Amino acid sequence: MAKLKLIPLADRVVVTPVTEKKTLSGIIIPETASKERPERGTVVAVGKGKIGDDNKRIPLEVSVGDEVVFSKYGPEEIKVDGQDFYILREDQILAIVK
């Protein structure tokens, strides 16, 4: 992938959605088999963090490369150079997958 041209502001995160799911037995189910919106993705860019009440920046807990689980209807969908991305706030991320 070419260098991403999106720089998220404050506590926002740019995520590429995972387009296929894998069952416990290892069978891969493509996203086209399900009309459901993805709930997982890989973080490709993070903002600098939001400003707290004390005017100090609060860094984000997620970083580039983390695979995350997020609310199905939380992120904003955008398309850049033909590729789909989600932009969401850090508080819309439910978990980091390890």
PDB file of N, CA and C in Angstrom:
ATOM      1  N   MET A   1       0.846  -1.180   0.000  1.00  0.00           N
ATOM      2  CA  MET A   1       0.000   0.000   0.000  1.00  0.00           C
ATOM      3  C   MET A   1       0.886   1.235   0.000  1.00  0.00           C
ATOM      4  N   ALA A   2       0.519   2.205  -0.794  1.00  0.00           N
ATOM      5  CA  ALA A   2       1.258   3.465  -0.840  1.00  0.00           C
ATOM      6  C   ALA A   2       1.056   4.222   0.460  1.00  0.00           C
ATOM      7  N   LYS A   3       1.883   5.223   0.674  1.00  0.00           N
ATOM      8  CA  LYS A   3       1.777   6.020   1.894  1.00  0.00           C
ATOM      9  C   LYS A   3       0.388   6.613   2.004  1.00  0.00           C
ATOM     10  N   LEU A   4      -0.219   6.434   3.160  1.00  0.00           N
ATOM     11  CA  LEU A   4      -1.571   6.906   3.406  1.00  0.00           C
ATOM     12  C   LEU A   4      -1.611   8.424   3.396  1.00  0.00           C
ATOM     13  N   LYS A   5      -2.608   8.988   2.749  1.00  0.00           N
ATOM     14  CA  LYS A   5      -2.727  10.427   2.623  1.00  0.00           C
ATOM     15  C   LYS A   5      -3.696  11.012   3.644  1.00  0.00           C
ATOM     16  N   LEU A   6      -4.038  10.249   4.662  1.00  0.00           N
ATOM     17  CA  LEU A   6      -4.957  10.701   5.702  1.00  0.00           C
ATOM     18  C   LEU A   6      -4.205  10.891   7.008  1.00  0.00           C
ATOM     19  N   ILE A   7      -4.425  12.027   7.637  1.00  0.00           N
ATOM     20  CA  ILE A   7      -3.844  12.273   8.952  1.00  0.00           C
ATOM     21  C   ILE A   7      -5.011  12.563   9.891  1.00  0.00           C
ATOM     22  N   PRO A   8      -5.348  11.612  10.764  1.00  0.00           N
ATOM     23  CA  PRO A   8      -6.483  11.824  11.652  1.00  0.00           C
ATOM     24  C   PRO A   8      -6.179  12.882  12.702  1.00  0.00           C
ATOM     25  N   LEU A   9      -7.198  13.614  13.096  1.00  0.00           N
ATOM     26  CA  LEU A   9      -7.054  14.667  14.091  1.00  0.00           C
ATOM     27  C   LEU A   9      -7.461  14.168  15.470  1.00  0.00           C
ATOM     28  N   ALA A  10      -6.861  14.766  16.489  1.00  0.00           N
ATOM     29  CA  ALA A  10      -7.192  14.512  17.901  1.00  0.00           C
ATOM     30  C   ALA A  10      -7.174  13.015  18.218  1.00  0.00           C
ATOM     31  N   ASP A  11      -8.287  12.476  18.716  1.00  0.00           N
ATOM     32  CA  ASP A  11      -8.321  11.080  19.136  1.00  0.00           C
ATOM     33  C   ASP A  11      -8.947  10.167  18.085  1.00  0.00           C
ATOM     34  N   ARG A  12      -8.864  10.570  16.820  1.00  0.00           N
ATOM     35  CA  ARG A  12      -9.423   9.743  15.751  1.00  0.00           C
ATOM     36  C   ARG A  12      -8.386   8.744  15.237  1.00  0.00           C
ATOM     37  N   VAL A  13      -8.907   7.653  14.685  1.00  0.00           N
ATOM     38  CA  VAL A  13      -8.086   6.551  14.200  1.00  0.00           C
ATOM     39  C   VAL A  13      -8.585   6.178  12.807  1.00  0.00           C
ATOM     40  N   VAL A  14      -7.668   5.901  11.880  1.00  0.00           N
ATOM     41  CA  VAL A  14      -8.028   5.414  10.541  1.00  0.00           C
ATOM     42  C   VAL A  14      -7.778   3.910  10.524  1.00  0.00           C
ATOM     43  N   VAL A  15      -8.796   3.166  10.077  1.00  0.00           N
ATOM     44  CA  VAL A  15      -8.751   1.697  10.098  1.00  0.00           C
ATOM     45  C   VAL A  15      -9.106   1.173   8.716  1.00  0.00           C
ATOM     46  N   THR A  16      -8.380   0.136   8.267  1.00  0.00           N
ATOM     47  CA  THR A  16      -8.803  -0.592   7.071  1.00  0.00           C
ATOM     48  C   THR A  16      -9.631  -1.772   7.558  1.00  0.00           C
ATOM     49  N   PRO A  17     -10.846  -1.937   7.037  1.00  0.00           N
ATOM     50  CA  PRO A  17     -11.696  -3.026   7.507  1.00  0.00           C
ATOM     51  C   PRO A  17     -11.166  -4.380   7.067  1.00  0.00           C
ATOM     52  N   VAL A  18     -11.348  -5.389   7.934  1.00  0.00           N
ATOM     53  CA  VAL A  18     -11.022  -6.766   7.580  1.00  0.00           C
ATOM     54  C   VAL A  18     -12.140  -7.244   6.671  1.00  0.00           C
ATOM     55  N   THR A  19     -11.794  -7.724   5.496  1.00  0.00           N
ATOM     56  CA  THR A  19     -12.820  -8.067   4.504  1.00  0.00           C
ATOM     57  C   THR A  19     -13.162  -9.542   4.458  1.00  0.00           C
ATOM     58  N   GLU A  20     -12.539 -10.339   5.287  1.00  0.00           N
ATOM     59  CA  GLU A  20     -12.904 -11.748   5.331  1.00  0.00           C
ATOM     60  C   GLU A  20     -12.876 -12.228   6.765  1.00  0.00           C
ATOM     61  N   LYS A  21     -13.688 -13.224   7.032  1.00  0.00           N
ATOM     62  CA  LYS A  21     -13.755 -13.791   8.377  1.00  0.00           C
ATOM     63  C   LYS A  21     -13.287 -15.235   8.305  1.00  0.00           C
ATOM     64  N   LYS A  22     -12.726 -15.723   9.395  1.00  0.00           N
ATOM     65  CA  LYS A  22     -12.245 -17.090   9.456  1.00  0.00           C
ATOM     66  C   LYS A  22     -12.985 -17.810  10.582  1.00  0.00           C
ATOM     67  N   THR A  23     -13.500 -19.000  10.293  1.00  0.00           N
ATOM     68  CA  THR A  23     -14.180 -19.784  11.314  1.00  0.00           C
ATOM     69  C   THR A  23     -13.152 -20.441  12.222  1.00  0.00           C
ATOM     70  N   LEU A  24     -13.611 -21.021  13.322  1.00  0.00           N
ATOM     71  CA  LEU A  24     -12.703 -21.696  14.248  1.00  0.00           C
ATOM     72  C   LEU A  24     -11.948 -22.840  13.576  1.00  0.00           C
ATOM     73  N   SER A  25     -12.560 -23.467  12.580  1.00  0.00           N
ATOM     74  CA  SER A  25     -11.897 -24.568  11.884  1.00  0.00           C
ATOM     75  C   SER A  25     -10.964 -24.097  10.779  1.00  0.00           C
ATOM     76  N   GLY A  26     -10.882 -22.763  10.567  1.00  0.00           N
ATOM     77  CA  GLY A  26      -9.946 -22.226   9.586  1.00  0.00           C
ATOM     78  C   GLY A  26     -10.536 -21.921   8.228  1.00  0.00           C
ATOM     79  N   ILE A  27     -11.846 -22.113   8.067  1.00  0.00           N
ATOM     80  CA  ILE A  27     -12.490 -21.816   6.787  1.00  0.00           C
ATOM     81  C   ILE A  27     -12.647 -20.305   6.665  1.00  0.00           C
ATOM     82  N   ILE A  28     -12.222 -19.746   5.535  1.00  0.00           N
ATOM     83  CA  ILE A  28     -12.308 -18.301   5.304  1.00  0.00           C
ATOM     84  C   ILE A  28     -13.625 -17.992   4.598  1.00  0.00           C
ATOM     85  N   ILE A  29     -14.383 -17.077   5.192  1.00  0.00           N
ATOM     86  CA  ILE A  29     -15.657 -16.646   4.621  1.00  0.00           C
ATOM     87  C   ILE A  29     -15.458 -15.229   4.083  1.00  0.00           C
ATOM     88  N   PRO A  30     -15.549 -15.027   2.770  1.00  0.00           N
ATOM     89  CA  PRO A  30     -15.337 -13.684   2.224  1.00  0.00           C
ATOM     90  C   PRO A  30     -16.449 -12.739   2.658  1.00  0.00           C
ATOM     91  N   GLU A  31     -16.137 -11.443   2.698  1.00  0.00           N
ATOM     92  CA  GLU A  31     -17.100 -10.432   3.119  1.00  0.00           C
ATOM     93  C   GLU A  31     -18.324 -10.411   2.209  1.00  0.00           C
ATOM     94  N   THR A  32     -18.165 -10.797   0.939  1.00  0.00           N
ATOM     95  CA  THR A  32     -19.294 -10.779   0.015  1.00  0.00           C
ATOM     96  C   THR A  32     -20.350 -11.809   0.385  1.00  0.00           C
ATOM     97  N   ALA A  33     -19.998 -12.827   1.166  1.00  0.00           N
ATOM     98  CA  ALA A  33     -20.965 -13.837   1.587  1.00  0.00           C
ATOM     99  C   ALA A  33     -21.890 -13.297   2.659  1.00  0.00           C
ATOM    100  N   SER A  34     -21.486 -12.236   3.294  1.00  0.00           N
ATOM    101  CA  SER A  34     -22.291 -11.641   4.351  1.00  0.00           C
ATOM    102  C   SER A  34     -22.470 -10.159   4.039  1.00  0.00           C
ATOM    103  N   LYS A  35     -23.678  -9.672   4.168  1.00  0.00           N
ATOM    104  CA  LYS A  35     -23.941  -8.256   3.916  1.00  0.00           C
ATOM    105  C   LYS A  35     -23.694  -7.425   5.164  1.00  0.00           C
ATOM    106  N   GLU A  36     -23.256  -8.052   6.236  1.00  0.00           N
ATOM    107  CA  GLU A  36     -22.965  -7.357   7.489  1.00  0.00           C
ATOM    108  C   GLU A  36     -21.760  -6.436   7.311  1.00  0.00           C
ATOM    109  N   ARG A  37     -21.776  -5.343   7.992  1.00  0.00           N
ATOM    110  CA  ARG A  37     -20.661  -4.396   7.983  1.00  0.00           C
ATOM    111  C   ARG A  37     -19.547  -4.947   8.867  1.00  0.00           C
ATOM    112  N   PRO A  38     -18.281  -4.854   8.442  1.00  0.00           N
ATOM    113  CA  PRO A  38     -17.178  -5.382   9.256  1.00  0.00           C
ATOM    114  C   PRO A  38     -17.103  -4.709  10.625  1.00  0.00           C
ATOM    115  N   GLU A  39     -16.650  -5.475  11.605  1.00  0.00           N
ATOM    116  CA  GLU A  39     -16.486  -4.968  12.965  1.00  0.00           C
ATOM    117  C   GLU A  39     -15.032  -5.048  13.417  1.00  0.00           C
ATOM    118  N   ARG A  40     -14.153  -5.457  12.511  1.00  0.00           N
ATOM    119  CA  ARG A  40     -12.726  -5.570  12.810  1.00  0.00           C
ATOM    120  C   ARG A  40     -11.941  -4.856  11.731  1.00  0.00           C
ATOM    121  N   GLY A  41     -10.746  -4.431  12.109  1.00  0.00           N
ATOM    122  CA  GLY A  41      -9.898  -3.788  11.135  1.00  0.00           C
ATOM    123  C   GLY A  41      -8.499  -3.590  11.672  1.00  0.00           C
ATOM    124  N   THR A  42      -7.627  -3.097  10.810  1.00  0.00           N
ATOM    125  CA  THR A  42      -6.241  -2.832  11.169  1.00  0.00           C
ATOM    126  C   THR A  42      -6.009  -1.332  11.175  1.00  0.00           C
ATOM    127  N   VAL A  43      -5.415  -0.837  12.239  1.00  0.00           N
ATOM    128  CA  VAL A  43      -5.145   0.590  12.387  1.00  0.00           C
ATOM    129  C   VAL A  43      -4.012   0.974  11.431  1.00  0.00           C
ATOM    130  N   VAL A  44      -4.254   1.996  10.595  1.00  0.00           N
ATOM    131  CA  VAL A  44      -3.235   2.452   9.645  1.00  0.00           C
ATOM    132  C   VAL A  44      -2.735   3.858   9.955  1.00  0.00           C
ATOM    133  N   ALA A  45      -3.464   4.601  10.785  1.00  0.00           N
ATOM    134  CA  ALA A  45      -3.019   5.941  11.195  1.00  0.00           C
ATOM    135  C   ALA A  45      -3.742   6.334  12.478  1.00  0.00           C
ATOM    136  N   VAL A  46      -3.055   7.066  13.340  1.00  0.00           N
ATOM    137  CA  VAL A  46      -3.659   7.542  14.587  1.00  0.00           C
ATOM    138  C   VAL A  46      -3.393   9.038  14.742  1.00  0.00           C
ATOM    139  N   GLY A  47      -4.317   9.700  15.412  1.00  0.00           N
ATOM    140  CA  GLY A  47      -4.141  11.114  15.708  1.00  0.00           C
ATOM    141  C   GLY A  47      -3.182  11.297  16.877  1.00  0.00           C
ATOM    142  N   LYS A  48      -2.940  12.545  17.242  1.00  0.00           N
ATOM    143  CA  LYS A  48      -2.005  12.841  18.334  1.00  0.00           C
ATOM    144  C   LYS A  48      -2.632  12.671  19.704  1.00  0.00           C
ATOM    145  N   GLY A  49      -3.950  12.551  19.774  1.00  0.00           N
ATOM    146  CA  GLY A  49      -4.647  12.422  21.043  1.00  0.00           C
ATOM    147  C   GLY A  49      -5.450  13.672  21.338  1.00  0.00           C
ATOM    148  N   LYS A  50      -6.421  13.521  22.243  1.00  0.00           N
ATOM    149  CA  LYS A  50      -7.244  14.684  22.563  1.00  0.00           C
ATOM    150  C   LYS A  50      -6.612  15.483  23.697  1.00  0.00           C
ATOM    151  N   ILE A  51      -7.067  16.705  23.842  1.00  0.00           N
ATOM    152  CA  ILE A  51      -6.570  17.593  24.884  1.00  0.00           C
ATOM    153  C   ILE A  51      -7.451  17.408  26.125  1.00  0.00           C
ATOM    154  N   GLY A  52      -6.824  17.132  27.261  1.00  0.00           N
ATOM    155  CA  GLY A  52      -7.551  16.938  28.506  1.00  0.00           C
ATOM    156  C   GLY A  52      -7.939  18.252  29.157  1.00  0.00           C
ATOM    157  N   ASP A  53      -8.629  18.164  30.295  1.00  0.00           N
ATOM    158  CA  ASP A  53      -9.067  19.348  31.027  1.00  0.00           C
ATOM    159  C   ASP A  53      -7.892  20.207  31.496  1.00  0.00           C
ATOM    160  N   ASP A  54      -6.724  19.584  31.665  1.00  0.00           N
ATOM    161  CA  ASP A  54      -5.535  20.309  32.112  1.00  0.00           C
ATOM    162  C   ASP A  54      -4.716  20.863  30.943  1.00  0.00           C
ATOM    163  N   ASN A  55      -5.306  20.834  29.741  1.00  0.00           N
ATOM    164  CA  ASN A  55      -4.668  21.311  28.505  1.00  0.00           C
ATOM    165  C   ASN A  55      -3.441  20.510  28.102  1.00  0.00           C
ATOM    166  N   LYS A  56      -3.322  19.287  28.579  1.00  0.00           N
ATOM    167  CA  LYS A  56      -2.245  18.390  28.166  1.00  0.00           C
ATOM    168  C   LYS A  56      -2.827  17.336  27.229  1.00  0.00           C
ATOM    169  N   ARG A  57      -2.039  16.957  26.236  1.00  0.00           N
ATOM    170  CA  ARG A  57      -2.492  15.967  25.261  1.00  0.00           C
ATOM    171  C   ARG A  57      -2.481  14.569  25.876  1.00  0.00           C
ATOM    172  N   ILE A  58      -3.574  13.833  25.673  1.00  0.00           N
ATOM    173  CA  ILE A  58      -3.700  12.458  26.162  1.00  0.00           C
ATOM    174  C   ILE A  58      -3.417  11.526  24.988  1.00  0.00           C
ATOM    175  N   PRO A  59      -2.312  10.776  25.017  1.00  0.00           N
ATOM    176  CA  PRO A  59      -1.969   9.908  23.879  1.00  0.00           C
ATOM    177  C   PRO A  59      -2.959   8.746  23.741  1.00  0.00           C
ATOM    178  N   LEU A  60      -3.081   8.238  22.528  1.00  0.00           N
ATOM    179  CA  LEU A  60      -3.978   7.122  22.269  1.00  0.00           C
ATOM    180  C   LEU A  60      -3.365   5.806  22.736  1.00  0.00           C
ATOM    181  N   GLU A  61      -4.242   4.854  23.074  1.00  0.00           N
ATOM    182  CA  GLU A  61      -3.784   3.532  23.517  1.00  0.00           C
ATOM    183  C   GLU A  61      -3.519   2.595  22.346  1.00  0.00           C
ATOM    184  N   VAL A  62      -4.110   2.887  21.187  1.00  0.00           N
ATOM    185  CA  VAL A  62      -3.888   2.045  20.010  1.00  0.00           C
ATOM    186  C   VAL A  62      -2.763   2.635  19.178  1.00  0.00           C
ATOM    187  N   SER A  63      -2.136   1.784  18.391  1.00  0.00           N
ATOM    188  CA  SER A  63      -1.059   2.260  17.527  1.00  0.00           C
ATOM    189  C   SER A  63      -1.189   1.616  16.150  1.00  0.00           C
ATOM    190  N   VAL A  64      -0.462   2.144  15.197  1.00  0.00           N
ATOM    191  CA  VAL A  64      -0.491   1.634  13.826  1.00  0.00           C
ATOM    192  C   VAL A  64      -0.104   0.155  13.836  1.00  0.00           C
ATOM    193  N   GLY A  65      -0.885  -0.649  13.125  1.00  0.00           N
ATOM    194  CA  GLY A  65      -0.632  -2.081  13.038  1.00  0.00           C
ATOM    195  C   GLY A  65      -1.507  -2.910  13.960  1.00  0.00           C
ATOM    196  N   ASP A  66      -2.135  -2.289  14.965  1.00  0.00           N
ATOM    197  CA  ASP A  66      -3.017  -3.028  15.867  1.00  0.00           C
ATOM    198  C   ASP A  66      -4.263  -3.482  15.112  1.00  0.00           C
ATOM    199  N   GLU A  67      -4.697  -4.718  15.389  1.00  0.00           N
ATOM    200  CA  GLU A  67      -5.991  -5.169  14.888  1.00  0.00           C
ATOM    201  C   GLU A  67      -7.006  -4.879  15.976  1.00  0.00           C
ATOM    202  N   VAL A  68      -8.093  -4.223  15.612  1.00  0.00           N
ATOM    203  CA  VAL A  68      -9.058  -3.769  16.602  1.00  0.00           C
ATOM    204  C   VAL A  68     -10.466  -4.248  16.274  1.00  0.00           C
ATOM    205  N   VAL A  69     -11.289  -4.289  17.314  1.00  0.00           N
ATOM    206  CA  VAL A  69     -12.714  -4.574  17.195  1.00  0.00           C
ATOM    207  C   VAL A  69     -13.431  -3.281  17.546  1.00  0.00           C
ATOM    208  N   PHE A  70     -14.422  -2.902  16.741  1.00  0.00           N
ATOM    209  CA  PHE A  70     -15.117  -1.646  16.980  1.00  0.00           C
ATOM    210  C   PHE A  70     -16.615  -1.836  16.784  1.00  0.00           C
ATOM    211  N   SER A  71     -17.364  -0.852  17.203  1.00  0.00           N
ATOM    212  CA  SER A  71     -18.814  -0.864  17.072  1.00  0.00           C
ATOM    213  C   SER A  71     -19.201  -0.893  15.598  1.00  0.00           C
ATOM    214  N   LYS A  72     -20.141  -1.738  15.259  1.00  0.00           N
ATOM    215  CA  LYS A  72     -20.536  -1.936  13.861  1.00  0.00           C
ATOM    216  C   LYS A  72     -21.023  -0.639  13.204  1.00  0.00           C
ATOM    217  N   TYR A  73     -21.752   0.176  13.929  1.00  0.00           N
ATOM    218  CA  TYR A  73     -22.337   1.369  13.324  1.00  0.00           C
ATOM    219  C   TYR A  73     -21.653   2.652  13.779  1.00  0.00           C
ATOM    220  N   GLY A  74     -20.470   2.555  14.379  1.00  0.00           N
ATOM    221  CA  GLY A  74     -19.780   3.727  14.883  1.00  0.00           C
ATOM    222  C   GLY A  74     -18.939   4.490  13.881  1.00  0.00           C
ATOM    223  N   PRO A  75     -18.166   3.820  13.023  1.00  0.00           N
ATOM    224  CA  PRO A  75     -17.213   4.551  12.188  1.00  0.00           C
ATOM    225  C   PRO A  75     -17.838   5.241  10.982  1.00  0.00           C
ATOM    226  N   GLU A  76     -17.127   6.257  10.503  1.00  0.00           N
ATOM    227  CA  GLU A  76     -17.461   6.934   9.254  1.00  0.00           C
ATOM    228  C   GLU A  76     -16.728   6.212   8.128  1.00  0.00           C
ATOM    229  N   GLU A  77     -17.425   5.893   7.058  1.00  0.00           N
ATOM    230  CA  GLU A  77     -16.800   5.222   5.919  1.00  0.00           C
ATOM    231  C   GLU A  77     -16.328   6.259   4.908  1.00  0.00           C
ATOM    232  N   ILE A  78     -15.096   6.079   4.430  1.00  0.00           N
ATOM    233  CA  ILE A  78     -14.578   6.930   3.362  1.00  0.00           C
ATOM    234  C   ILE A  78     -13.823   6.061   2.366  1.00  0.00           C
ATOM    235  N   LYS A  79     -13.605   6.596   1.193  1.00  0.00           N
ATOM    236  CA  LYS A  79     -12.850   5.892   0.162  1.00  0.00           C
ATOM    237  C   LYS A  79     -11.765   6.833  -0.329  1.00  0.00           C
ATOM    238  N   VAL A  80     -10.509   6.361  -0.301  1.00  0.00           N
ATOM    239  CA  VAL A  80      -9.372   7.138  -0.776  1.00  0.00           C
ATOM    240  C   VAL A  80      -8.621   6.293  -1.795  1.00  0.00           C
ATOM    241  N   ASP A  81      -8.461   6.823  -2.991  1.00  0.00           N
ATOM    242  CA  ASP A  81      -7.778   6.109  -4.079  1.00  0.00           C
ATOM    243  C   ASP A  81      -8.353   4.707  -4.292  1.00  0.00           C
ATOM    244  N   GLY A  82      -9.681   4.586  -4.178  1.00  0.00           N
ATOM    245  CA  GLY A  82     -10.350   3.307  -4.421  1.00  0.00           C
ATOM    246  C   GLY A  82     -10.310   2.331  -3.268  1.00  0.00           C
ATOM    247  N   GLN A  83      -9.716   2.700  -2.146  1.00  0.00           N
ATOM    248  CA  GLN A  83      -9.629   1.801  -0.994  1.00  0.00           C
ATOM    249  C   GLN A  83     -10.543   2.309   0.121  1.00  0.00           C
ATOM    250  N   ASP A  84     -11.247   1.372   0.764  1.00  0.00           N
ATOM    251  CA  ASP A  84     -12.156   1.720   1.850  1.00  0.00           C
ATOM    252  C   ASP A  84     -11.407   1.884   3.167  1.00  0.00           C
ATOM    253  N   PHE A  85     -11.784   2.914   3.910  1.00  0.00           N
ATOM    254  CA  PHE A  85     -11.244   3.170   5.235  1.00  0.00           C
ATOM    255  C   PHE A  85     -12.389   3.550   6.157  1.00  0.00           C
ATOM    256  N   TYR A  86     -12.176   3.337   7.446  1.00  0.00           N
ATOM    257  CA  TYR A  86     -13.093   3.818   8.469  1.00  0.00           C
ATOM    258  C   TYR A  86     -12.335   4.833   9.312  1.00  0.00           C
ATOM    259  N   ILE A  87     -13.019   5.901   9.700  1.00  0.00           N
ATOM    260  CA  ILE A  87     -12.459   6.842  10.656  1.00  0.00           C
ATOM    261  C   ILE A  87     -13.351   6.798  11.879  1.00  0.00           C
ATOM    262  N   LEU A  88     -12.748   6.567  13.032  1.00  0.00           N
ATOM    263  CA  LEU A  88     -13.515   6.498  14.264  1.00  0.00           C
ATOM    264  C   LEU A  88     -12.724   7.084  15.413  1.00  0.00           C
ATOM    265  N   ARG A  89     -13.427   7.447  16.450  1.00  0.00           N
ATOM    266  CA  ARG A  89     -12.765   7.940  17.658  1.00  0.00           C
ATOM    267  C   ARG A  89     -12.261   6.750  18.464  1.00  0.00           C
ATOM    268  N   GLU A  90     -11.242   6.991  19.252  1.00  0.00           N
ATOM    269  CA  GLU A  90     -10.672   5.903  20.041  1.00  0.00           C
ATOM    270  C   GLU A  90     -11.712   5.283  20.965  1.00  0.00           C
ATOM    271  N   ASP A  91     -12.633   6.081  21.499  1.00  0.00           N
ATOM    272  CA  ASP A  91     -13.624   5.516  22.417  1.00  0.00           C
ATOM    273  C   ASP A  91     -14.661   4.640  21.717  1.00  0.00           C
ATOM    274  N   GLN A  92     -14.654   4.595  20.371  1.00  0.00           N
ATOM    275  CA  GLN A  92     -15.517   3.684  19.632  1.00  0.00           C
ATOM    276  C   GLN A  92     -14.852   2.324  19.423  1.00  0.00           C
ATOM    277  N   ILE A  93     -13.565   2.231  19.748  1.00  0.00           N
ATOM    278  CA  ILE A  93     -12.842   0.963  19.658  1.00  0.00           C
ATOM    279  C   ILE A  93     -13.122   0.173  20.923  1.00  0.00           C
ATOM    280  N   LEU A  94     -13.588  -1.060  20.743  1.00  0.00           N
ATOM    281  CA  LEU A  94     -13.980  -1.877  21.880  1.00  0.00           C
ATOM    282  C   LEU A  94     -12.836  -2.716  22.433  1.00  0.00           C
ATOM    283  N   ALA A  95     -11.910  -3.147  21.568  1.00  0.00           N
ATOM    284  CA  ALA A  95     -10.819  -4.012  22.024  1.00  0.00           C
ATOM    285  C   ALA A  95      -9.697  -4.055  20.994  1.00  0.00           C
ATOM    286  N   ILE A  96      -8.507  -4.409  21.462  1.00  0.00           N
ATOM    287  CA  ILE A  96      -7.364  -4.688  20.592  1.00  0.00           C
ATOM    288  C   ILE A  96      -7.205  -6.206  20.557  1.00  0.00           C
ATOM    289  N   VAL A  97      -7.098  -6.779  19.360  1.00  0.00           N
ATOM    290  CA  VAL A  97      -6.937  -8.216  19.204  1.00  0.00           C
ATOM    291  C   VAL A  97      -5.466  -8.563  19.282  1.00  0.00           C
ATOM    292  N   LYS A  98      -5.097  -9.452  20.167  1.00  0.00           N
ATOM    293  CA  LYS A  98      -3.690  -9.882  20.314  1.00  0.00           C
ATOM    294  C   LYS A  98      -3.504 -11.276  19.787  1.00  0.00           C
TER     295      LYS A  98
END
